[in-house]
Protein backbone atom coordinates (compact mmCIF):
# COMPACT_ATOMS: atom_id res chain seq x y z
CA MET A 1 56.52 14.28 16.83
CA PHE A 2 54.76 14.12 13.48
CA GLU A 3 53.37 17.65 13.35
CA SER A 4 55.04 20.38 11.33
CA SER A 5 53.99 23.67 9.84
CA ILE A 6 51.17 23.50 7.31
CA PRO A 7 52.13 24.83 3.87
CA PRO A 8 50.04 27.50 2.18
CA SER A 9 46.97 26.05 0.52
CA PRO A 10 47.32 25.50 -3.22
CA ASP A 11 44.53 26.52 -5.55
CA PRO A 12 41.28 24.68 -4.82
CA MET A 13 40.85 21.34 -6.55
CA PRO A 14 39.17 22.18 -9.88
CA HIS A 15 37.14 18.98 -9.88
CA ALA A 16 36.35 18.99 -6.15
CA THR A 17 32.70 19.03 -5.17
CA PRO A 18 31.82 21.12 -2.10
CA ASP A 19 29.41 18.39 -1.03
CA LEU A 20 30.81 15.25 -2.62
CA TRP A 21 28.44 13.02 -0.72
CA ALA A 22 25.44 14.62 -2.43
CA SER A 23 26.99 14.18 -5.87
CA ASP A 24 26.13 11.40 -8.28
CA SER A 25 28.91 12.43 -10.65
CA ALA A 26 31.32 9.57 -11.31
CA ASP A 27 33.90 12.11 -12.45
CA ALA A 28 33.66 14.00 -9.15
CA TRP A 29 34.19 10.85 -7.10
CA THR A 30 37.01 9.61 -9.31
CA GLY A 31 38.70 13.00 -9.23
CA ALA A 32 38.52 13.05 -5.44
CA VAL A 33 40.03 9.61 -4.91
CA ASP A 34 42.70 10.26 -7.56
CA ALA A 35 43.79 13.33 -5.57
CA TYR A 36 44.17 11.34 -2.32
CA GLU A 37 47.97 10.98 -2.40
CA SER A 38 48.42 14.64 -3.29
CA VAL A 39 46.20 15.72 -0.40
CA VAL A 40 48.17 13.46 1.96
CA ALA A 41 51.42 15.07 0.79
CA ALA A 42 49.95 18.56 1.22
CA GLN A 43 49.09 18.03 4.90
CA GLY A 44 52.51 19.18 6.08
CA VAL A 45 52.85 16.29 8.53
CA ALA A 46 56.21 14.56 8.80
CA ARG A 47 56.20 10.88 7.78
CA LEU A 48 52.51 10.90 6.85
CA ALA A 49 53.14 10.17 3.17
CA GLU A 50 55.55 7.36 4.13
CA LEU A 51 53.15 5.85 6.66
CA ASP A 52 50.18 6.20 4.32
CA ALA A 53 51.98 4.43 1.47
CA TRP A 54 52.90 1.59 3.85
CA TYR A 55 49.33 1.37 5.15
CA ARG A 56 47.73 1.26 1.71
CA ASP A 57 50.33 -0.59 -0.34
CA GLU A 58 52.14 -2.96 2.03
CA LEU A 59 50.05 -3.81 5.07
CA PRO A 60 47.15 -5.50 3.21
CA GLY A 61 49.57 -7.91 1.55
CA LEU A 62 51.37 -8.64 4.81
CA ILE A 63 48.07 -9.55 6.47
CA SER A 64 46.70 -11.67 3.63
CA ALA A 65 49.96 -13.61 3.19
CA ARG A 66 49.65 -15.16 6.66
CA SER A 67 48.02 -18.55 7.08
CA THR A 68 45.82 -17.00 9.74
CA PRO A 69 45.39 -13.27 8.95
CA HIS A 70 46.47 -11.00 11.79
CA VAL A 71 48.61 -7.97 12.56
CA THR A 72 51.76 -7.98 14.64
CA HIS A 73 52.41 -5.66 17.57
CA ALA A 74 54.79 -3.57 15.45
CA GLU A 75 52.17 -3.27 12.72
CA LEU A 76 49.48 -2.19 15.18
CA VAL A 77 51.81 0.51 16.52
CA LYS A 78 52.53 1.69 12.98
CA VAL A 79 48.81 1.72 12.09
CA THR A 80 48.21 3.87 15.17
CA GLU A 81 50.98 6.25 14.13
CA TRP A 82 49.43 6.49 10.64
CA LYS A 83 45.98 7.19 12.06
CA MET A 84 47.29 9.90 14.36
CA ALA A 85 49.48 11.47 11.69
CA ARG A 86 46.48 11.74 9.36
CA GLY A 87 44.16 12.87 12.14
CA VAL A 88 44.66 13.90 15.77
CA TRP A 89 47.83 13.05 17.66
CA ARG A 90 47.05 11.43 21.01
CA ALA A 91 50.32 10.51 22.70
CA ARG A 92 48.70 8.63 25.60
CA ASN A 93 46.84 6.31 23.22
CA LEU A 94 50.06 5.49 21.41
CA VAL A 95 51.73 4.64 24.74
CA LEU A 96 48.83 2.34 25.57
CA VAL A 97 49.00 0.62 22.18
CA ARG A 98 52.73 0.08 22.56
CA GLY A 99 52.10 -1.45 25.99
CA ASN A 100 50.07 -4.35 24.61
CA GLU A 101 51.74 -7.75 24.76
CA PRO A 102 52.77 -8.86 21.22
CA ALA A 103 51.17 -12.28 21.72
CA GLU A 104 47.88 -10.67 22.76
CA VAL A 105 47.89 -8.40 19.71
CA GLU A 106 48.33 -11.40 17.44
CA ARG A 107 45.69 -13.42 19.30
CA ALA A 108 43.10 -10.63 19.28
CA SER A 109 43.70 -9.64 15.68
CA THR A 110 43.55 -13.27 14.55
CA GLU A 111 40.18 -13.66 16.28
CA ALA A 112 38.98 -10.34 14.90
CA LEU A 113 39.91 -10.98 11.29
CA ALA A 114 38.47 -14.49 11.44
CA ALA A 115 35.13 -12.78 12.09
CA VAL A 116 35.17 -10.93 8.74
CA PRO A 117 32.69 -10.05 7.17
CA ASP A 118 30.63 -9.55 10.34
CA PRO A 119 30.04 -5.77 10.43
CA ALA A 120 30.66 -5.38 14.15
CA ARG A 121 32.65 -8.26 15.70
CA PRO A 122 36.12 -7.48 14.28
CA ILE A 123 35.87 -3.90 15.56
CA ALA A 124 34.67 -4.98 19.00
CA ILE A 125 37.36 -7.65 19.37
CA LEU A 126 40.22 -5.36 18.36
CA ALA A 127 38.90 -2.63 20.65
CA ARG A 128 39.61 -4.87 23.65
CA LEU A 129 43.30 -4.07 23.20
CA ALA A 130 44.67 -1.17 25.27
CA GLY A 131 44.57 2.15 23.42
CA VAL A 132 42.51 0.75 20.56
CA GLY A 133 39.12 2.32 19.91
CA PRO A 134 36.75 1.94 16.96
CA ALA A 135 38.91 4.16 14.73
CA THR A 136 42.16 2.22 15.19
CA ALA A 137 40.26 -1.06 15.02
CA SER A 138 38.64 0.04 11.78
CA ALA A 139 42.05 0.88 10.31
CA VAL A 140 43.15 -2.73 10.85
CA ALA A 141 39.87 -4.10 9.50
CA ALA A 142 40.00 -1.82 6.46
CA ALA A 143 43.53 -2.95 5.62
CA ALA A 144 42.45 -6.59 5.83
CA ALA A 145 39.04 -6.30 4.16
CA PRO A 146 38.54 -2.96 2.38
CA GLU A 147 35.52 -4.37 0.59
CA VAL A 148 33.69 -4.51 3.95
CA TYR A 149 35.22 -1.96 6.33
CA PRO A 150 36.09 1.71 5.82
CA PHE A 151 38.53 3.50 8.09
CA PHE A 152 36.64 5.58 10.67
CA ASP A 153 37.63 9.21 10.08
CA GLU A 154 35.79 12.05 11.81
CA LEU A 155 36.17 14.42 8.84
CA VAL A 156 34.39 11.85 6.69
CA GLY A 157 31.69 11.11 9.25
CA ALA A 158 30.88 14.79 9.51
CA GLN A 159 30.06 14.85 5.78
CA VAL A 160 27.63 11.93 5.82
CA PRO A 161 24.05 13.14 6.36
CA GLY A 162 21.97 11.53 9.04
CA LEU A 163 24.75 10.23 11.26
CA GLY A 164 24.55 13.05 13.79
CA GLU A 165 27.50 14.38 15.75
CA VAL A 166 30.62 12.26 15.29
CA ALA A 167 31.11 9.89 18.21
CA PHE A 168 33.90 7.32 18.48
CA THR A 169 31.56 4.53 19.51
CA PRO A 170 30.75 1.12 18.01
CA LYS A 171 27.18 2.26 17.32
CA TYR A 172 28.32 5.32 15.35
CA TYR A 173 30.90 3.34 13.41
CA ALA A 174 28.27 0.75 12.46
CA ALA A 175 26.06 3.46 10.94
CA TYR A 176 29.06 5.16 9.30
CA ALA A 177 30.35 1.93 7.76
CA SER A 178 26.88 0.99 6.53
CA ALA A 179 26.53 4.35 4.77
CA LEU A 180 29.92 3.99 3.08
CA ARG A 181 29.16 0.43 2.01
CA GLU A 182 25.92 1.62 0.43
CA ARG A 183 27.75 4.42 -1.40
CA ALA A 184 30.40 1.99 -2.69
CA ALA A 185 27.66 -0.30 -4.01
CA LYS A 186 25.96 2.66 -5.68
CA LEU A 187 29.21 3.78 -7.34
CA GLY A 188 29.88 0.21 -8.50
CA GLY A 189 32.97 -0.94 -10.36
CA SER A 190 36.10 -1.12 -8.21
CA TRP A 191 34.69 1.09 -5.45
CA THR A 192 34.97 -0.23 -1.90
CA PRO A 193 33.93 1.36 1.41
CA ALA A 194 37.62 2.03 2.09
CA LYS A 195 38.00 3.79 -1.26
CA VAL A 196 34.87 5.88 -0.60
CA GLU A 197 36.42 7.01 2.70
CA GLN A 198 39.59 8.09 0.92
CA ALA A 199 37.61 10.06 -1.67
CA VAL A 200 35.54 11.93 0.89
CA TRP A 201 38.59 12.64 3.05
CA ALA A 202 40.59 13.92 0.06
CA ASN A 203 37.67 16.07 -1.08
CA SER A 204 37.58 17.67 2.37
CA GLY A 205 41.27 18.57 2.12
CA GLY A 206 42.18 16.58 5.23
CA LYS A 207 42.83 18.25 8.56
CA ALA A 208 44.83 20.99 6.80
CA GLY A 209 41.90 21.82 4.51
CA VAL A 210 44.18 21.59 1.47
CA ARG A 211 42.35 20.55 -1.68
CA VAL A 212 44.73 19.62 -4.46
CA SER A 213 43.99 18.74 -8.07
CA SER A 214 45.02 15.20 -8.96
CA ALA A 215 45.68 16.46 -12.50
CA ASP A 216 48.39 18.76 -11.17
CA HIS A 217 50.27 15.91 -9.52
CA GLY A 218 49.85 13.06 -12.01
């Protein structure tokens, strides 16, 4: 539904670092995260740019504006569509997510987000919902508390040394999130684990392998 042909790759990102994770260059990290929107647009996936803008710019405010932070059923479905559009489309998982009772989604997400900043409980609680694994759970947590939780993306995990083969398990996510939190602290300033994830993903070129210069799309 969301897949379309991938456009030819533009010239490689001039400021991209082949191994961004190993770099201590502030310019390299800033250049990577600044190119994020351009890399999203270059993926050639229908609605990805629209869903990504909603996920980054609207959803956090919707969650925080509620007296008890939570996501609605419709928002959870949309988060799942965003995750799949940016990564791997799994139709059965989306059917399962849509099959959750709206009241249960609100109850579970309220309980989960009340557990912030515990590194594991929000992910485990959200993952009780049908069709929701650590990656989808992390997407909700990252929207609500980007200063604690990064989105769990396999392209990013594969670039972090010492984590081993990517596995969509709570144990792997815990190690992944810890590594990204440490990197955000090392970078300092306005860096968050969620922002580190975006930088590493953009530097990889996403699933299309398209690395675009942020300077060319400013």
